[in-house]
C-alpha atoms as a PDB file:
ATOM      1  CA  MET A   1       5.023  38.706  40.449  1.00  0.00           C
ATOM      2  CA  SER A   2       1.661  40.425  40.355  1.00  0.00           C
ATOM      3  CA  VAL A   3      -1.607  38.699  41.187  1.00  0.00           C
ATOM      4  CA  TRP A   4      -2.676  39.221  37.566  1.00  0.00           C
ATOM      5  CA  GLN A   5       0.388  37.333  36.320  1.00  0.00           C
ATOM      6  CA  ALA A   6      -0.289  34.597  38.878  1.00  0.00           C
ATOM      7  CA  ILE A   7      -3.830  34.218  37.526  1.00  0.00           C
ATOM      8  CA  ILE A   8      -2.611  33.991  33.929  1.00  0.00           C
ATOM      9  CA  LEU A   9       0.159  31.485  34.693  1.00  0.00           C
ATOM     10  CA  GLY A  10      -2.168  29.460  36.941  1.00  0.00           C
ATOM     11  CA  LEU A  11      -4.665  29.285  34.080  1.00  0.00           C
ATOM     12  CA  VAL A  12      -1.917  28.271  31.654  1.00  0.00           C
ATOM     13  CA  GLN A  13      -0.752  25.498  33.980  1.00  0.00           C
ATOM     14  CA  GLY A  14      -4.275  24.287  34.702  1.00  0.00           C
ATOM     15  CA  VAL A  15      -5.433  24.305  31.086  1.00  0.00           C
ATOM     16  CA  THR A  16      -2.332  22.853  29.458  1.00  0.00           C
ATOM     17  CA  GLU A  17      -1.363  20.195  32.019  1.00  0.00           C
ATOM     18  CA  PHE A  18      -3.967  17.708  30.809  1.00  0.00           C
ATOM     19  CA  LEU A  19      -4.566  18.881  27.260  1.00  0.00           C
ATOM     20  CA  PRO A  20      -2.187  17.318  24.694  1.00  0.00           C
ATOM     21  CA  ILE A  21      -0.439  20.623  23.977  1.00  0.00           C
ATOM     22  CA  SER A  22       2.423  20.674  26.556  1.00  0.00           C
ATOM     23  CA  SER A  23       2.230  22.647  29.778  1.00  0.00           C
ATOM     24  CA  SER A  24       6.017  22.998  30.061  1.00  0.00           C
ATOM     25  CA  ALA A  25       6.164  24.607  26.622  1.00  0.00           C
ATOM     26  CA  HIS A  26       3.476  27.157  27.412  1.00  0.00           C
ATOM     27  CA  LEU A  27       4.966  28.006  30.803  1.00  0.00           C
ATOM     28  CA  VAL A  28       8.254  28.766  29.061  1.00  0.00           C
ATOM     29  CA  LEU A  29       6.664  30.585  26.137  1.00  0.00           C
ATOM     30  CA  VAL A  30       4.213  32.871  27.960  1.00  0.00           C
ATOM     31  CA  PRO A  31       6.904  34.737  29.960  1.00  0.00           C
ATOM     32  CA  TYR A  32       9.121  34.705  26.846  1.00  0.00           C
ATOM     33  CA  LEU A  33       6.474  36.280  24.614  1.00  0.00           C
ATOM     34  CA  PHE A  34       5.340  38.872  27.181  1.00  0.00           C
ATOM     35  CA  ASP A  35       8.808  39.554  28.566  1.00  0.00           C
ATOM     36  CA  TRP A  36       7.762  38.635  32.104  1.00  0.00           C
ATOM     37  CA  PRO A  37      10.323  37.795  34.795  1.00  0.00           C
ATOM     38  CA  ASP A  38      10.868  34.190  35.811  1.00  0.00           C
ATOM     39  CA  ALA A  39       8.033  33.098  38.086  1.00  0.00           C
ATOM     40  CA  GLY A  40      10.455  31.086  40.172  1.00  0.00           C
ATOM     41  CA  LEU A  41      10.646  27.592  41.571  1.00  0.00           C
ATOM     42  CA  ARG A  42       8.157  28.264  44.371  1.00  0.00           C
ATOM     43  CA  PHE A  43       5.446  29.209  41.907  1.00  0.00           C
ATOM     44  CA  ALA A  44       6.175  26.154  39.733  1.00  0.00           C
ATOM     45  CA  VAL A  45       5.919  23.899  42.792  1.00  0.00           C
ATOM     46  CA  ILE A  46       2.614  25.358  43.960  1.00  0.00           C
ATOM     47  CA  THR A  47       0.894  25.254  40.551  1.00  0.00           C
ATOM     48  CA  ASN A  48       2.093  21.699  39.917  1.00  0.00           C
ATOM     49  CA  ALA A  49       0.632  20.790  43.302  1.00  0.00           C
ATOM     50  CA  GLY A  50      -2.652  22.338  42.197  1.00  0.00           C
ATOM     51  CA  THR A  51      -2.959  20.205  39.057  1.00  0.00           C
ATOM     52  CA  LEU A  52      -1.904  17.110  40.997  1.00  0.00           C
ATOM     53  CA  LEU A  53      -4.647  17.766  43.539  1.00  0.00           C
ATOM     54  CA  ALA A  54      -7.166  18.103  40.694  1.00  0.00           C
ATOM     55  CA  ALA A  55      -6.264  14.649  39.336  1.00  0.00           C
ATOM     56  CA  ILE A  56      -6.378  13.058  42.791  1.00  0.00           C
ATOM     57  CA  VAL A  57      -9.796  14.534  43.549  1.00  0.00           C
ATOM     58  CA  TYR A  58     -11.199  13.565  40.148  1.00  0.00           C
ATOM     59  CA  PHE A  59     -10.018   9.946  40.384  1.00  0.00           C
ATOM     60  CA  ARG A  60     -10.463   9.626  44.149  1.00  0.00           C
ATOM     61  CA  ARG A  61     -12.838   6.658  43.958  1.00  0.00           C
ATOM     62  CA  MET A  62     -10.468   4.644  41.812  1.00  0.00           C
ATOM     63  CA  LEU A  63      -7.586   5.500  44.125  1.00  0.00           C
ATOM     64  CA  ILE A  64      -9.564   4.498  47.217  1.00  0.00           C
ATOM     65  CA  ASP A  65     -10.675   1.213  45.649  1.00  0.00           C
ATOM     66  CA  THR A  66      -7.092   0.380  44.705  1.00  0.00           C
ATOM     67  CA  LEU A  67      -5.859   1.092  48.225  1.00  0.00           C
ATOM     68  CA  ARG A  68      -8.671  -0.898  49.830  1.00  0.00           C
ATOM     69  CA  HIS A  69      -8.345  -3.897  47.503  1.00  0.00           C
ATOM     70  CA  PRO A  70      -4.750  -4.005  46.219  1.00  0.00           C
ATOM     71  CA  GLU A  71      -5.066  -7.622  45.075  1.00  0.00           C
ATOM     72  CA  ALA A  72      -8.366  -7.309  43.190  1.00  0.00           C
ATOM     73  CA  ALA A  73      -7.112  -6.888  39.606  1.00  0.00           C
ATOM     74  CA  MET A  74      -4.459  -9.599  39.970  1.00  0.00           C
ATOM     75  CA  LEU A  75      -6.917 -12.265  41.015  1.00  0.00           C
ATOM     76  CA  GLU A  76      -8.735 -12.288  37.685  1.00  0.00           C
ATOM     77  CA  ASP A  77      -5.869 -12.111  35.207  1.00  0.00           C
ATOM     78  CA  ALA A  78      -2.198 -11.634  36.092  1.00  0.00           C
ATOM     79  CA  SER A  79      -1.537 -10.170  32.630  1.00  0.00           C
ATOM     80  CA  ARG A  80      -3.821  -7.233  33.389  1.00  0.00           C
ATOM     81  CA  PRO A  81      -2.368  -4.782  35.884  1.00  0.00           C
ATOM     82  CA  GLY A  82      -5.446  -2.647  36.376  1.00  0.00           C
ATOM     83  CA  ALA A  83      -5.436   1.012  35.434  1.00  0.00           C
ATOM     84  CA  MET A  84      -4.102   2.461  38.680  1.00  0.00           C
ATOM     85  CA  ARG A  85      -1.336  -0.119  39.117  1.00  0.00           C
ATOM     86  CA  GLY A  86      -0.454   0.309  35.483  1.00  0.00           C
ATOM     87  CA  ALA A  87      -0.133   4.046  36.020  1.00  0.00           C
ATOM     88  CA  VAL A  88       2.304   3.520  38.894  1.00  0.00           C
ATOM     89  CA  VAL A  89       4.474   1.051  36.956  1.00  0.00           C
ATOM     90  CA  GLY A  90       4.259   3.182  33.818  1.00  0.00           C
ATOM     91  CA  THR A  91       5.931   5.997  35.723  1.00  0.00           C
ATOM     92  CA  LEU A  92       9.211   4.108  36.178  1.00  0.00           C
ATOM     93  CA  PRO A  93      10.695   4.930  32.731  1.00  0.00           C
ATOM     94  CA  VAL A  94      10.192   8.675  33.144  1.00  0.00           C
ATOM     95  CA  ALA A  95      11.676   8.532  36.649  1.00  0.00           C
ATOM     96  CA  VAL A  96      14.818   6.791  35.362  1.00  0.00           C
ATOM     97  CA  ALA A  97      15.100   9.091  32.329  1.00  0.00           C
ATOM     98  CA  GLY A  98      14.703  12.122  34.570  1.00  0.00           C
ATOM     99  CA  LEU A  99      17.607  11.028  36.744  1.00  0.00           C
ATOM    100  CA  LEU A 100      19.859  10.213  33.779  1.00  0.00           C
ATOM    101  CA  PHE A 101      19.165  13.252  31.605  1.00  0.00           C
ATOM    102  CA  HIS A 102      18.169  15.943  34.101  1.00  0.00           C
ATOM    103  CA  ASP A 103      20.953  18.386  33.220  1.00  0.00           C
ATOM    104  CA  LEU A 104      20.263  18.200  29.482  1.00  0.00           C
ATOM    105  CA  ILE A 105      16.505  18.563  29.936  1.00  0.00           C
ATOM    106  CA  ALA A 106      16.781  21.437  32.406  1.00  0.00           C
ATOM    107  CA  GLY A 107      19.320  23.272  30.260  1.00  0.00           C
ATOM    108  CA  ALA A 108      19.830  22.866  26.516  1.00  0.00           C
ATOM    109  CA  ALA A 109      16.361  21.413  25.852  1.00  0.00           C
ATOM    110  CA  ARG A 110      14.447  24.363  27.345  1.00  0.00           C
ATOM    111  CA  THR A 111      14.718  26.674  24.338  1.00  0.00           C
ATOM    112  CA  PRO A 112      12.042  28.155  22.056  1.00  0.00           C
ATOM    113  CA  LEU A 113      13.572  26.323  19.061  1.00  0.00           C
ATOM    114  CA  VAL A 114      13.318  22.914  20.722  1.00  0.00           C
ATOM    115  CA  ILE A 115       9.775  23.711  21.846  1.00  0.00           C
ATOM    116  CA  ALA A 116       8.784  24.771  18.327  1.00  0.00           C
ATOM    117  CA  ILE A 117      10.148  21.559  16.782  1.00  0.00           C
ATOM    118  CA  THR A 118       8.658  19.201  19.381  1.00  0.00           C
ATOM    119  CA  THR A 119       5.317  21.016  19.380  1.00  0.00           C
ATOM    120  CA  LEU A 120       5.063  20.625  15.620  1.00  0.00           C
ATOM    121  CA  GLY A 121       6.533  17.119  15.325  1.00  0.00           C
ATOM    122  CA  PHE A 122       4.626  15.455  18.143  1.00  0.00           C
ATOM    123  CA  GLY A 123       1.474  17.312  17.120  1.00  0.00           C
ATOM    124  CA  LEU A 124       1.697  15.658  13.708  1.00  0.00           C
ATOM    125  CA  LEU A 125       2.316  12.312  15.406  1.00  0.00           C
ATOM    126  CA  LEU A 126      -0.784  12.752  17.568  1.00  0.00           C
ATOM    127  CA  GLY A 127      -2.835  13.537  14.482  1.00  0.00           C
ATOM    128  CA  TRP A 128      -1.532  10.464  12.682  1.00  0.00           C
ATOM    129  CA  ALA A 129      -2.250   8.187  15.661  1.00  0.00           C
ATOM    130  CA  ASP A 130      -5.732   9.627  16.047  1.00  0.00           C
ATOM    131  CA  TRP A 131      -6.469   9.239  12.322  1.00  0.00           C
ATOM    132  CA  THR A 132      -5.272   5.606  12.118  1.00  0.00           C
ATOM    133  CA  ALA A 133      -6.404   4.382  15.569  1.00  0.00           C
ATOM    134  CA  SER A 134      -8.488   1.203  15.553  1.00  0.00           C
ATOM    135  CA  GLN A 135     -10.463   2.392  18.629  1.00  0.00           C
ATOM    136  CA  ARG A 136     -11.310  -1.149  19.655  1.00  0.00           C
ATOM    137  CA  ARG A 137     -10.091  -1.436  23.239  1.00  0.00           C
ATOM    138  CA  GLY A 138     -11.259  -0.148  26.594  1.00  0.00           C
ATOM    139  CA  LEU A 139      -9.254   0.612  29.719  1.00  0.00           C
ATOM    140  CA  ASP A 140     -10.092  -2.803  31.190  1.00  0.00           C
ATOM    141  CA  SER A 141      -8.091  -4.462  28.389  1.00  0.00           C
ATOM    142  CA  LEU A 142      -4.836  -2.789  29.470  1.00  0.00           C
ATOM    143  CA  ARG A 143      -1.923  -5.254  29.724  1.00  0.00           C
ATOM    144  CA  TRP A 144       1.621  -5.019  31.027  1.00  0.00           C
ATOM    145  CA  LEU A 145       3.045  -4.618  27.512  1.00  0.00           C
ATOM    146  CA  ASP A 146       0.738  -1.652  26.953  1.00  0.00           C
ATOM    147  CA  VAL A 147       1.910  -0.134  30.220  1.00  0.00           C
ATOM    148  CA  ALA A 148       5.558  -0.564  29.172  1.00  0.00           C
ATOM    149  CA  VAL A 149       5.034   1.074  25.770  1.00  0.00           C
ATOM    150  CA  ILE A 150       3.044   4.009  27.150  1.00  0.00           C
ATOM    151  CA  GLY A 151       5.498   4.410  30.026  1.00  0.00           C
ATOM    152  CA  LEU A 152       8.464   4.571  27.630  1.00  0.00           C
ATOM    153  CA  ALA A 153       6.598   7.098  25.509  1.00  0.00           C
ATOM    154  CA  GLN A 154       5.942   9.198  28.606  1.00  0.00           C
ATOM    155  CA  ALA A 155       9.681   9.498  29.192  1.00  0.00           C
ATOM    156  CA  LEU A 156       9.896  11.552  25.973  1.00  0.00           C
ATOM    157  CA  ALA A 157       7.719  14.176  27.630  1.00  0.00           C
ATOM    158  CA  LEU A 158      10.703  15.335  29.665  1.00  0.00           C
ATOM    159  CA  VAL A 159      11.643  17.314  26.551  1.00  0.00           C
ATOM    160  CA  PRO A 160       9.646  20.588  26.618  1.00  0.00           C
ATOM    161  CA  GLY A 161       7.018  20.814  23.911  1.00  0.00           C
ATOM    162  CA  THR A 162       6.432  17.068  23.708  1.00  0.00           C
ATOM    163  CA  SER A 163       3.430  17.080  26.087  1.00  0.00           C
ATOM    164  CA  ARG A 164       3.153  14.304  28.648  1.00  0.00           C
ATOM    165  CA  SER A 165      -0.555  13.872  28.051  1.00  0.00           C
ATOM    166  CA  GLY A 166      -0.103  14.174  24.290  1.00  0.00           C
ATOM    167  CA  ILE A 167       2.591  11.522  23.926  1.00  0.00           C
ATOM    168  CA  THR A 168       0.878   9.052  26.269  1.00  0.00           C
ATOM    169  CA  MET A 169      -2.434   9.493  24.449  1.00  0.00           C
ATOM    170  CA  THR A 170      -0.603   9.031  21.139  1.00  0.00           C
ATOM    171  CA  ALA A 171       0.949   5.778  22.345  1.00  0.00           C
ATOM    172  CA  ALA A 172      -2.344   4.530  23.785  1.00  0.00           C
ATOM    173  CA  LEU A 173      -4.186   5.281  20.531  1.00  0.00           C
ATOM    174  CA  GLY A 174      -1.466   3.450  18.628  1.00  0.00           C
ATOM    175  CA  LEU A 175      -2.073   0.411  20.823  1.00  0.00           C
ATOM    176  CA  GLY A 176      -5.744   0.410  19.888  1.00  0.00           C
ATOM    177  CA  LEU A 177      -7.309   2.075  22.930  1.00  0.00           C
ATOM    178  CA  ARG A 178     -10.391   4.170  22.365  1.00  0.00           C
ATOM    179  CA  ARG A 179      -9.984   7.914  22.797  1.00  0.00           C
ATOM    180  CA  PRO A 180     -11.678   8.172  26.234  1.00  0.00           C
ATOM    181  CA  ALA A 181      -9.640   5.201  27.500  1.00  0.00           C
ATOM    182  CA  ALA A 182      -6.416   6.727  26.196  1.00  0.00           C
ATOM    183  CA  ALA A 183      -7.202  10.051  27.861  1.00  0.00           C
ATOM    184  CA  ARG A 184      -8.283   8.475  31.141  1.00  0.00           C
ATOM    185  CA  PHE A 185      -5.093   6.419  31.449  1.00  0.00           C
ATOM    186  CA  SER A 186      -3.021   9.486  30.583  1.00  0.00           C
ATOM    187  CA  PHE A 187      -4.733  11.398  33.398  1.00  0.00           C
ATOM    188  CA  LEU A 188      -4.117   8.525  35.816  1.00  0.00           C
ATOM    189  CA  LEU A 189      -0.437   8.555  34.882  1.00  0.00           C
ATOM    190  CA  ALA A 190      -0.368  12.197  35.949  1.00  0.00           C
ATOM    191  CA  ILE A 191      -0.851  11.212  39.599  1.00  0.00           C
ATOM    192  CA  PRO A 192       2.333   9.178  40.270  1.00  0.00           C
ATOM    193  CA  VAL A 193       4.309  11.399  37.888  1.00  0.00           C
ATOM    194  CA  GLY A 194       2.968  14.456  39.697  1.00  0.00           C
ATOM    195  CA  VAL A 195       3.929  13.036  43.078  1.00  0.00           C
ATOM    196  CA  LEU A 196       7.484  12.359  41.862  1.00  0.00           C
ATOM    197  CA  ALA A 197       7.779  15.797  40.260  1.00  0.00           C
ATOM    198  CA  LEU A 198       6.443  17.525  43.366  1.00  0.00           C
ATOM    199  CA  GLY A 199       8.871  15.616  45.575  1.00  0.00           C
ATOM    200  CA  LYS A 200      11.793  16.573  43.359  1.00  0.00           C
ATOM    201  CA  ASP A 201      10.706  20.212  43.199  1.00  0.00           C
ATOM    202  CA  LEU A 202      10.393  20.375  46.977  1.00  0.00           C
ATOM    203  CA  ALA A 203      13.859  18.839  47.334  1.00  0.00           C
ATOM    204  CA  ASP A 204      15.277  21.357  44.867  1.00  0.00           C
ATOM    205  CA  LEU A 205      13.513  24.177  46.696  1.00  0.00           C
ATOM    206  CA  ALA A 206      15.006  23.067  50.005  1.00  0.00           C
ATOM    207  CA  LEU A 207      18.485  23.373  48.491  1.00  0.00           C
ATOM    208  CA  VAL A 208      17.946  26.896  47.172  1.00  0.00           C
ATOM    209  CA  PRO A 209      19.370  29.634  49.450  1.00  0.00           C
ATOM    210  CA  HIS A 210      16.683  31.730  51.111  1.00  0.00           C
ATOM    211  CA  GLY A 211      15.452  34.479  48.809  1.00  0.00           C
ATOM    212  CA  GLN A 212      16.815  32.926  45.612  1.00  0.00           C
ATOM    213  CA  ALA A 213      13.954  30.631  44.531  1.00  0.00           C
ATOM    214  CA  GLY A 214      12.970  32.818  41.602  1.00  0.00           C
ATOM    215  CA  ALA A 215      13.711  36.162  40.072  1.00  0.00           C
ATOM    216  CA  SER A 216      10.352  37.635  40.951  1.00  0.00           C
ATOM    217  CA  HIS A 217       9.953  36.198  44.466  1.00  0.00           C
ATOM    218  CA  PRO A 218       6.162  35.625  44.334  1.00  0.00           C
ATOM    219  CA  ALA A 219       4.395  36.635  47.539  1.00  0.00           C
ATOM    220  CA  TRP A 220       2.004  34.360  49.387  1.00  0.00           C
ATOM    221  CA  LEU A 221      -1.030  35.965  47.766  1.00  0.00           C
ATOM    222  CA  ALA A 222       0.296  35.234  44.278  1.00  0.00           C
ATOM    223  CA  LEU A 223       1.213  31.689  45.299  1.00  0.00           C
ATOM    224  CA  THR A 224      -2.244  31.074  46.747  1.00  0.00           C
ATOM    225  CA  VAL A 225      -3.964  32.480  43.684  1.00  0.00           C
ATOM    226  CA  GLY A 226      -1.771  30.370  41.387  1.00  0.00           C
ATOM    227  CA  PHE A 227      -2.588  27.217  43.350  1.00  0.00           C
ATOM    228  CA  VAL A 228      -6.349  27.766  43.427  1.00  0.00           C
ATOM    229  CA  VAL A 229      -6.566  28.777  39.765  1.00  0.00           C
ATOM    230  CA  SER A 230      -4.441  25.883  38.522  1.00  0.00           C
ATOM    231  CA  ALA A 231      -6.333  23.307  40.620  1.00  0.00           C
ATOM    232  CA  CYS A 232      -9.820  24.469  39.668  1.00  0.00           C
ATOM    233  CA  THR A 233      -8.941  24.905  36.006  1.00  0.00           C
ATOM    234  CA  ALA A 234      -7.249  21.507  35.763  1.00  0.00           C
ATOM    235  CA  TYR A 235     -10.252  19.746  37.311  1.00  0.00           C
ATOM    236  CA  GLY A 236     -12.551  21.376  34.781  1.00  0.00           C
ATOM    237  CA  VAL A 237     -10.236  20.488  31.905  1.00  0.00           C
ATOM    238  CA  ILE A 238     -10.205  16.783  32.850  1.00  0.00           C
ATOM    239  CA  GLU A 239     -13.993  16.670  32.847  1.00  0.00           C
ATOM    240  CA  ALA A 240     -14.327  18.725  29.659  1.00  0.00           C
ATOM    241  CA  LEU A 241     -11.755  16.750  27.670  1.00  0.00           C
ATOM    242  CA  LEU A 242     -13.256  13.380  28.578  1.00  0.00           C
ATOM    243  CA  ARG A 243     -16.640  14.643  27.412  1.00  0.00           C
ATOM    244  CA  LEU A 244     -15.223  16.177  24.240  1.00  0.00           C
ATOM    245  CA  ILE A 245     -13.312  13.174  22.945  1.00  0.00           C
ATOM    246  CA  ALA A 246     -16.191  10.829  23.721  1.00  0.00           C
ATOM    247  CA  ARG A 247     -17.885  12.358  20.687  1.00  0.00           C
ATOM    248  CA  SER A 248     -15.023  13.965  18.767  1.00  0.00           C
ATOM    249  CA  SER A 249     -11.362  13.488  17.807  1.00  0.00           C
ATOM    250  CA  PHE A 250      -8.042  15.117  18.697  1.00  0.00           C
ATOM    251  CA  ILE A 251      -8.014  17.098  15.451  1.00  0.00           C
ATOM    252  CA  VAL A 252      -8.431  20.466  17.181  1.00  0.00           C
ATOM    253  CA  PHE A 253      -5.343  19.833  19.328  1.00  0.00           C
ATOM    254  CA  THR A 254      -3.353  18.624  16.327  1.00  0.00           C
ATOM    255  CA  ALA A 255      -4.289  21.770  14.404  1.00  0.00           C
ATOM    256  CA  TYR A 256      -3.384  23.969  17.385  1.00  0.00           C
ATOM    257  CA  ARG A 257       0.013  22.332  17.816  1.00  0.00           C
ATOM    258  CA  ILE A 258       0.862  22.600  14.131  1.00  0.00           C
ATOM    259  CA  SER A 259      -0.181  26.264  14.079  1.00  0.00           C
ATOM    260  CA  LEU A 260       1.774  27.043  17.252  1.00  0.00           C
ATOM    261  CA  GLY A 261       4.875  25.233  16.016  1.00  0.00           C
ATOM    262  CA  ILE A 262       4.854  27.124  12.710  1.00  0.00           C
ATOM    263  CA  PHE A 263       4.201  30.428  14.513  1.00  0.00           C
ATOM    264  CA  LEU A 264       7.163  29.876  16.823  1.00  0.00           C
ATOM    265  CA  LEU A 265       9.494  28.968  13.977  1.00  0.00           C
ATOM    266  CA  VAL A 266       8.484  32.132  12.112  1.00  0.00           C
ATOM    267  CA  LEU A 267       8.846  34.197  15.294  1.00  0.00           C
ATOM    268  CA  LEU A 268      12.339  32.855  15.885  1.00  0.00           C
ATOM    269  CA  VAL A 269      13.371  33.770  12.358  1.00  0.00           C
ATOM    270  CA  TYR A 270      12.158  37.376  12.527  1.00  0.00           C
ATOM    271  CA  ARG A 271      12.542  38.232  16.216  1.00  0.00           C
END
């Protein structure tokens, strides 16, 4: 892998991880469209670590407060888990689904056709949820039932093209959360999910024979560049998206997903 390819793929990972457009889909599609070799497991691990670091740094104060005062949210109302605790519990469904359906998700589901269908279908669903959302609730109103619904929705994101951030924002909007609250909780969910994914990737990497962790064997320079680019880009995307949806809707992401889904379906027909 060249440094230039590492920059491009790091940007793709950093930009798409937190936008509701599916990072897994774009990381499959970019090499497919440009006929690039597989970046390899090592590169996937390092760029995922970069976006995870971005979320941890951005929400560091909330994380520190939760660790310092683990009982605080429970004292006021046991029905309200608090955003950070809710994010941890909301990760359980995707962890279970990942264990049960790993082979299917890693194999048959990672195709351009599946990505095209899920990109289009869940893009339409995001648009519908955004259009009909009541926008009446803040993050402090989050309850255990909300956490369960959003957590179950997040499990669908194991299918490439669904978008983890997209489906969790869709579910949160459907439950009446305001757009910034929906986005913020989706970003918080990325932390425990990211930790689990990183742990699994590292375990998988440890089982790969030396020299077989990817077709292109990215060198340390490419890995470093991918990490830095993905981390910095992801941090900027979190900040930018929270500002954007505070005064706008998700319509631009819905339009992008519909356009991309149609483009991929056409491409598959004629390629």
